[in-house]
Amino acid sequence: MVWIVLTLNGFGPLIQLNRSLTVNDYVQLLGEILQSFMAFMYPKHDEIFMDNNVATCHKATIVPDWFKEHYETFQ
């Protein structure tokens, strides 16, 4: 499985996972990859974040909680 960030301004790193993506994996990727990538690509915080909302991990309760906790990065 692979995970990637796609934006109008470019692609983030392609992350290869040797297993299915779990909720904990997804939250870890949000913190370690997405947060720093979006801060670099959008220093004025003018981004709009969307996920495909298909994967089970996107729908887990912990994910919106993570975004609420990191609101300053994703305004």
PDB file of N, CA and C in Angstrom:
ATOM      1  N   MET A   1       0.833  -1.162   0.000  1.00  0.00           N
ATOM      2  CA  MET A   1       0.000   0.000   0.000  1.00  0.00           C
ATOM      3  C   MET A   1       0.883   1.232   0.000  1.00  0.00           C
ATOM      4  N   VAL A   2       0.402   2.294  -0.624  1.00  0.00           N
ATOM      5  CA  VAL A   2       1.115   3.569  -0.609  1.00  0.00           C
ATOM      6  C   VAL A   2       0.182   4.663  -0.111  1.00  0.00           C
ATOM      7  N   TRP A   3       0.780   5.723   0.396  1.00  0.00           N
ATOM      8  CA  TRP A   3       0.047   6.888   0.889  1.00  0.00           C
ATOM      9  C   TRP A   3       0.765   8.098   0.350  1.00  0.00           C
ATOM     10  N   ILE A   4       0.011   9.085  -0.129  1.00  0.00           N
ATOM     11  CA  ILE A   4       0.614  10.291  -0.694  1.00  0.00           C
ATOM     12  C   ILE A   4      -0.299  11.483  -0.450  1.00  0.00           C
ATOM     13  N   VAL A   5       0.298  12.658  -0.433  1.00  0.00           N
ATOM     14  CA  VAL A   5      -0.434  13.916  -0.355  1.00  0.00           C
ATOM     15  C   VAL A   5      -0.393  14.538  -1.746  1.00  0.00           C
ATOM     16  N   LEU A   6      -1.550  14.932  -2.250  1.00  0.00           N
ATOM     17  CA  LEU A   6      -1.645  15.597  -3.551  1.00  0.00           C
ATOM     18  C   LEU A   6      -2.195  16.998  -3.344  1.00  0.00           C
ATOM     19  N   THR A   7      -1.556  17.992  -3.955  1.00  0.00           N
ATOM     20  CA  THR A   7      -2.050  19.362  -3.865  1.00  0.00           C
ATOM     21  C   THR A   7      -2.021  19.993  -5.248  1.00  0.00           C
ATOM     22  N   LEU A   8      -2.641  21.147  -5.368  1.00  0.00           N
ATOM     23  CA  LEU A   8      -2.572  21.892  -6.627  1.00  0.00           C
ATOM     24  C   LEU A   8      -1.152  22.342  -6.926  1.00  0.00           C
ATOM     25  N   ASN A   9      -0.351  22.506  -5.876  1.00  0.00           N
ATOM     26  CA  ASN A   9       1.013  23.009  -6.025  1.00  0.00           C
ATOM     27  C   ASN A   9       2.076  21.930  -6.080  1.00  0.00           C
ATOM     28  N   GLY A  10       1.690  20.677  -5.968  1.00  0.00           N
ATOM     29  CA  GLY A  10       2.682  19.618  -6.052  1.00  0.00           C
ATOM     30  C   GLY A  10       2.310  18.408  -5.221  1.00  0.00           C
ATOM     31  N   PHE A  11       3.170  17.427  -5.288  1.00  0.00           N
ATOM     32  CA  PHE A  11       2.982  16.172  -4.583  1.00  0.00           C
ATOM     33  C   PHE A  11       3.836  16.130  -3.334  1.00  0.00           C
ATOM     34  N   GLY A  12       3.319  15.461  -2.318  1.00  0.00           N
ATOM     35  CA  GLY A  12       4.105  15.184  -1.126  1.00  0.00           C
ATOM     36  C   GLY A  12       4.863  13.888  -1.335  1.00  0.00           C
ATOM     37  N   PRO A  13       5.548  13.443  -0.311  1.00  0.00           N
ATOM     38  CA  PRO A  13       6.302  12.204  -0.440  1.00  0.00           C
ATOM     39  C   PRO A  13       5.371  11.002  -0.604  1.00  0.00           C
ATOM     40  N   LEU A  14       5.823  10.039  -1.373  1.00  0.00           N
ATOM     41  CA  LEU A  14       5.109   8.775  -1.545  1.00  0.00           C
ATOM     42  C   LEU A  14       5.606   7.837  -0.451  1.00  0.00           C
ATOM     43  N   ILE A  15       4.706   7.435   0.428  1.00  0.00           N
ATOM     44  CA  ILE A  15       5.062   6.588   1.560  1.00  0.00           C
ATOM     45  C   ILE A  15       4.615   5.164   1.256  1.00  0.00           C
ATOM     46  N   GLN A  16       5.553   4.236   1.273  1.00  0.00           N
ATOM     47  CA  GLN A  16       5.217   2.834   1.043  1.00  0.00           C
ATOM     48  C   GLN A  16       5.029   2.144   2.385  1.00  0.00           C
ATOM     49  N   LEU A  17       3.885   1.491   2.528  1.00  0.00           N
ATOM     50  CA  LEU A  17       3.584   0.731   3.732  1.00  0.00           C
ATOM     51  C   LEU A  17       3.559  -0.741   3.366  1.00  0.00           C
ATOM     52  N   ASN A  18       4.170  -1.558   4.173  1.00  0.00           N
ATOM     53  CA  ASN A  18       4.195  -2.998   3.906  1.00  0.00           C
ATOM     54  C   ASN A  18       3.055  -3.731   4.604  1.00  0.00           C
ATOM     55  N   ARG A  19       1.990  -3.009   4.865  1.00  0.00           N
ATOM     56  CA  ARG A  19       0.805  -3.576   5.525  1.00  0.00           C
ATOM     57  C   ARG A  19      -0.385  -2.667   5.226  1.00  0.00           C
ATOM     58  N   SER A  20      -1.548  -3.081   5.648  1.00  0.00           N
ATOM     59  CA  SER A  20      -2.733  -2.240   5.520  1.00  0.00           C
ATOM     60  C   SER A  20      -2.605  -1.039   6.446  1.00  0.00           C
ATOM     61  N   LEU A  21      -3.188   0.054   6.051  1.00  0.00           N
ATOM     62  CA  LEU A  21      -3.139   1.279   6.838  1.00  0.00           C
ATOM     63  C   LEU A  21      -4.146   1.202   7.979  1.00  0.00           C
ATOM     64  N   THR A  22      -3.643   1.307   9.198  1.00  0.00           N
ATOM     65  CA  THR A  22      -4.517   1.306  10.370  1.00  0.00           C
ATOM     66  C   THR A  22      -4.801   2.757  10.769  1.00  0.00           C
ATOM     67  N   VAL A  23      -5.739   2.935  11.661  1.00  0.00           N
ATOM     68  CA  VAL A  23      -6.042   4.273  12.164  1.00  0.00           C
ATOM     69  C   VAL A  23      -4.812   4.878  12.822  1.00  0.00           C
ATOM     70  N   ASN A  24      -4.101   4.104  13.612  1.00  0.00           N
ATOM     71  CA  ASN A  24      -2.895   4.622  14.268  1.00  0.00           C
ATOM     72  C   ASN A  24      -1.825   5.005  13.254  1.00  0.00           C
ATOM     73  N   ASP A  25      -1.667   4.207  12.199  1.00  0.00           N
ATOM     74  CA  ASP A  25      -0.726   4.546  11.130  1.00  0.00           C
ATOM     75  C   ASP A  25      -1.113   5.874  10.481  1.00  0.00           C
ATOM     76  N   TYR A  26      -2.405   6.027  10.205  1.00  0.00           N
ATOM     77  CA  TYR A  26      -2.899   7.226   9.530  1.00  0.00           C
ATOM     78  C   TYR A  26      -2.648   8.470  10.385  1.00  0.00           C
ATOM     79  N   VAL A  27      -2.968   8.389  11.662  1.00  0.00           N
ATOM     80  CA  VAL A  27      -2.741   9.530  12.549  1.00  0.00           C
ATOM     81  C   VAL A  27      -1.250   9.831  12.649  1.00  0.00           C
ATOM     82  N   GLN A  28      -0.424   8.809  12.655  1.00  0.00           N
ATOM     83  CA  GLN A  28       1.026   9.022  12.671  1.00  0.00           C
ATOM     84  C   GLN A  28       1.477   9.726  11.397  1.00  0.00           C
ATOM     85  N   LEU A  29       0.955   9.331  10.247  1.00  0.00           N
ATOM     86  CA  LEU A  29       1.294  10.000   8.984  1.00  0.00           C
ATOM     87  C   LEU A  29       0.826  11.453   8.993  1.00  0.00           C
ATOM     88  N   LEU A  30      -0.346  11.703   9.548  1.00  0.00           N
ATOM     89  CA  LEU A  30      -0.828  13.080   9.645  1.00  0.00           C
ATOM     90  C   LEU A  30       0.158  13.938  10.418  1.00  0.00           C
ATOM     91  N   GLY A  31       0.641  13.414  11.537  1.00  0.00           N
ATOM     92  CA  GLY A  31       1.559  14.175  12.381  1.00  0.00           C
ATOM     93  C   GLY A  31       2.966  14.277  11.843  1.00  0.00           C
ATOM     94  N   GLU A  32       3.466  13.204  11.264  1.00  0.00           N
ATOM     95  CA  GLU A  32       4.866  13.185  10.835  1.00  0.00           C
ATOM     96  C   GLU A  32       5.066  13.689   9.411  1.00  0.00           C
ATOM     97  N   ILE A  33       4.100  13.497   8.546  1.00  0.00           N
ATOM     98  CA  ILE A  33       4.279  13.847   7.136  1.00  0.00           C
ATOM     99  C   ILE A  33       3.376  15.012   6.721  1.00  0.00           C
ATOM    100  N   LEU A  34       2.081  14.835   6.883  1.00  0.00           N
ATOM    101  CA  LEU A  34       1.133  15.838   6.379  1.00  0.00           C
ATOM    102  C   LEU A  34       1.332  17.203   7.010  1.00  0.00           C
ATOM    103  N   GLN A  35       1.464  17.246   8.313  1.00  0.00           N
ATOM    104  CA  GLN A  35       1.556  18.520   9.009  1.00  0.00           C
ATOM    105  C   GLN A  35       2.754  19.346   8.527  1.00  0.00           C
ATOM    106  N   SER A  36       3.918  18.754   8.443  1.00  0.00           N
ATOM    107  CA  SER A  36       5.097  19.510   8.001  1.00  0.00           C
ATOM    108  C   SER A  36       5.031  19.836   6.512  1.00  0.00           C
ATOM    109  N   PHE A  37       4.498  18.923   5.706  1.00  0.00           N
ATOM    110  CA  PHE A  37       4.388  19.179   4.275  1.00  0.00           C
ATOM    111  C   PHE A  37       3.442  20.346   4.005  1.00  0.00           C
ATOM    112  N   MET A  38       2.293  20.349   4.654  1.00  0.00           N
ATOM    113  CA  MET A  38       1.328  21.428   4.426  1.00  0.00           C
ATOM    114  C   MET A  38       1.865  22.759   4.948  1.00  0.00           C
ATOM    115  N   ALA A  39       2.592  22.749   6.053  1.00  0.00           N
ATOM    116  CA  ALA A  39       3.198  23.982   6.571  1.00  0.00           C
ATOM    117  C   ALA A  39       4.214  24.531   5.579  1.00  0.00           C
ATOM    118  N   PHE A  40       4.953  23.652   4.912  1.00  0.00           N
ATOM    119  CA  PHE A  40       5.928  24.074   3.909  1.00  0.00           C
ATOM    120  C   PHE A  40       5.237  24.593   2.648  1.00  0.00           C
ATOM    121  N   MET A  41       4.240  23.864   2.163  1.00  0.00           N
ATOM    122  CA  MET A  41       3.559  24.235   0.919  1.00  0.00           C
ATOM    123  C   MET A  41       2.627  25.435   1.089  1.00  0.00           C
ATOM    124  N   TYR A  42       2.063  25.588   2.261  1.00  0.00           N
ATOM    125  CA  TYR A  42       1.067  26.632   2.517  1.00  0.00           C
ATOM    126  C   TYR A  42       1.392  27.385   3.803  1.00  0.00           C
ATOM    127  N   PRO A  43       2.473  28.167   3.805  1.00  0.00           N
ATOM    128  CA  PRO A  43       2.875  28.857   5.036  1.00  0.00           C
ATOM    129  C   PRO A  43       1.843  29.884   5.512  1.00  0.00           C
ATOM    130  N   LYS A  44       0.971  30.334   4.627  1.00  0.00           N
ATOM    131  CA  LYS A  44      -0.072  31.296   5.026  1.00  0.00           C
ATOM    132  C   LYS A  44      -1.343  30.597   5.494  1.00  0.00           C
ATOM    133  N   HIS A  45      -1.310  29.277   5.560  1.00  0.00           N
ATOM    134  CA  HIS A  45      -2.457  28.465   5.987  1.00  0.00           C
ATOM    135  C   HIS A  45      -3.685  28.721   5.112  1.00  0.00           C
ATOM    136  N   ASP A  46      -3.464  28.818   3.805  1.00  0.00           N
ATOM    137  CA  ASP A  46      -4.580  29.060   2.880  1.00  0.00           C
ATOM    138  C   ASP A  46      -4.990  27.791   2.132  1.00  0.00           C
ATOM    139  N   GLU A  47      -4.693  26.650   2.724  1.00  0.00           N
ATOM    140  CA  GLU A  47      -5.022  25.371   2.107  1.00  0.00           C
ATOM    141  C   GLU A  47      -6.427  24.930   2.505  1.00  0.00           C
ATOM    142  N   ILE A  48      -6.951  24.010   1.747  1.00  0.00           N
ATOM    143  CA  ILE A  48      -8.186  23.313   2.092  1.00  0.00           C
ATOM    144  C   ILE A  48      -7.836  21.834   2.102  1.00  0.00           C
ATOM    145  N   PHE A  49      -8.012  21.190   3.233  1.00  0.00           N
ATOM    146  CA  PHE A  49      -7.665  19.774   3.332  1.00  0.00           C
ATOM    147  C   PHE A  49      -8.898  18.925   3.074  1.00  0.00           C
ATOM    148  N   MET A  50      -8.723  17.901   2.260  1.00  0.00           N
ATOM    149  CA  MET A  50      -9.788  16.943   1.985  1.00  0.00           C
ATOM    150  C   MET A  50      -9.171  15.555   1.919  1.00  0.00           C
ATOM    151  N   ASP A  51      -9.863  14.579   2.453  1.00  0.00           N
ATOM    152  CA  ASP A  51      -9.443  13.203   2.222  1.00  0.00           C
ATOM    153  C   ASP A  51     -10.542  12.549   1.397  1.00  0.00           C
ATOM    154  N   ASN A  52     -10.297  11.348   0.926  1.00  0.00           N
ATOM    155  CA  ASN A  52     -11.287  10.715   0.059  1.00  0.00           C
ATOM    156  C   ASN A  52     -12.452  10.124   0.839  1.00  0.00           C
ATOM    157  N   ASN A  53     -12.324  10.092   2.168  1.00  0.00           N
ATOM    158  CA  ASN A  53     -13.386   9.633   3.061  1.00  0.00           C
ATOM    159  C   ASN A  53     -13.901   8.238   2.696  1.00  0.00           C
ATOM    160  N   VAL A  54     -13.082   7.450   2.052  1.00  0.00           N
ATOM    161  CA  VAL A  54     -13.452   6.087   1.688  1.00  0.00           C
ATOM    162  C   VAL A  54     -12.798   5.090   2.637  1.00  0.00           C
ATOM    163  N   ALA A  55     -11.546   5.327   2.933  1.00  0.00           N
ATOM    164  CA  ALA A  55     -10.817   4.400   3.795  1.00  0.00           C
ATOM    165  C   ALA A  55     -11.381   4.422   5.209  1.00  0.00           C
ATOM    166  N   THR A  56     -11.438   3.283   5.830  1.00  0.00           N
ATOM    167  CA  THR A  56     -11.951   3.166   7.188  1.00  0.00           C
ATOM    168  C   THR A  56     -11.204   4.071   8.152  1.00  0.00           C
ATOM    169  N   CYS A  57      -9.900   4.193   7.979  1.00  0.00           N
ATOM    170  CA  CYS A  57      -9.106   5.009   8.905  1.00  0.00           C
ATOM    171  C   CYS A  57      -9.482   6.487   8.832  1.00  0.00           C
ATOM    172  N   HIS A  58      -9.987   6.968   7.682  1.00  0.00           N
ATOM    173  CA  HIS A  58     -10.401   8.366   7.566  1.00  0.00           C
ATOM    174  C   HIS A  58     -11.649   8.648   8.399  1.00  0.00           C
ATOM    175  N   LYS A  59     -12.431   7.617   8.662  1.00  0.00           N
ATOM    176  CA  LYS A  59     -13.711   7.782   9.345  1.00  0.00           C
ATOM    177  C   LYS A  59     -13.638   7.551  10.851  1.00  0.00           C
ATOM    178  N   ALA A  60     -12.500   7.167  11.342  1.00  0.00           N
ATOM    179  CA  ALA A  60     -12.352   6.861  12.766  1.00  0.00           C
ATOM    180  C   ALA A  60     -12.496   8.133  13.607  1.00  0.00           C
ATOM    181  N   THR A  61     -13.049   8.004  14.773  1.00  0.00           N
ATOM    182  CA  THR A  61     -13.293   9.141  15.666  1.00  0.00           C
ATOM    183  C   THR A  61     -12.017   9.902  15.998  1.00  0.00           C
ATOM    184  N   ILE A  62     -10.920   9.217  16.107  1.00  0.00           N
ATOM    185  CA  ILE A  62      -9.661   9.852  16.495  1.00  0.00           C
ATOM    186  C   ILE A  62      -9.162  10.848  15.430  1.00  0.00           C
ATOM    187  N   VAL A  63      -9.542  10.669  14.175  1.00  0.00           N
ATOM    188  CA  VAL A  63      -9.035  11.528  13.099  1.00  0.00           C
ATOM    189  C   VAL A  63      -9.579  12.956  13.211  1.00  0.00           C
ATOM    190  N   PRO A  64     -10.906  13.181  13.300  1.00  0.00           N
ATOM    191  CA  PRO A  64     -11.359  14.565  13.489  1.00  0.00           C
ATOM    192  C   PRO A  64     -10.850  15.168  14.798  1.00  0.00           C
ATOM    193  N   ASP A  65     -10.669  14.330  15.815  1.00  0.00           N
ATOM    194  CA  ASP A  65     -10.095  14.820  17.069  1.00  0.00           C
ATOM    195  C   ASP A  65      -8.674  15.325  16.843  1.00  0.00           C
ATOM    196  N   TRP A  66      -7.894  14.604  16.026  1.00  0.00           N
ATOM    197  CA  TRP A  66      -6.521  15.028  15.723  1.00  0.00           C
ATOM    198  C   TRP A  66      -6.538  16.375  15.006  1.00  0.00           C
ATOM    199  N   PHE A  67      -7.435  16.546  14.030  1.00  0.00           N
ATOM    200  CA  PHE A  67      -7.511  17.817  13.307  1.00  0.00           C
ATOM    201  C   PHE A  67      -7.952  18.959  14.219  1.00  0.00           C
ATOM    202  N   LYS A  68      -8.854  18.711  15.144  1.00  0.00           N
ATOM    203  CA  LYS A  68      -9.254  19.743  16.101  1.00  0.00           C
ATOM    204  C   LYS A  68      -8.075  20.144  16.972  1.00  0.00           C
ATOM    205  N   GLU A  69      -7.285  19.168  17.388  1.00  0.00           N
ATOM    206  CA  GLU A  69      -6.123  19.434  18.232  1.00  0.00           C
ATOM    207  C   GLU A  69      -5.060  20.234  17.487  1.00  0.00           C
ATOM    208  N   HIS A  70      -4.962  20.057  16.162  1.00  0.00           N
ATOM    209  CA  HIS A  70      -3.945  20.729  15.346  1.00  0.00           C
ATOM    210  C   HIS A  70      -4.575  21.803  14.455  1.00  0.00           C
ATOM    211  N   TYR A  71      -5.581  22.454  14.981  1.00  0.00           N
ATOM    212  CA  TYR A  71      -6.345  23.436  14.215  1.00  0.00           C
ATOM    213  C   TYR A  71      -5.481  24.537  13.613  1.00  0.00           C
ATOM    214  N   GLU A  72      -4.458  25.003  14.343  1.00  0.00           N
ATOM    215  CA  GLU A  72      -3.633  26.111  13.842  1.00  0.00           C
ATOM    216  C   GLU A  72      -2.965  25.773  12.515  1.00  0.00           C
ATOM    217  N   THR A  73      -2.607  24.520  12.327  1.00  0.00           N
ATOM    218  CA  THR A  73      -1.957  24.105  11.091  1.00  0.00           C
ATOM    219  C   THR A  73      -2.956  23.994   9.938  1.00  0.00           C
ATOM    220  N   PHE A  74      -4.195  23.607  10.261  1.00  0.00           N
ATOM    221  CA  PHE A  74      -5.205  23.361   9.231  1.00  0.00           C
ATOM    222  C   PHE A  74      -6.406  24.260   9.456  1.00  0.00           C
ATOM    223  N   GLN A  75      -6.239  25.553   9.193  1.00  0.00           N
ATOM    224  CA  GLN A  75      -7.342  26.508   9.384  1.00  0.00           C
ATOM    225  C   GLN A  75      -8.207  26.574   8.157  1.00  0.00           C
TER     226      GLN A  75
END
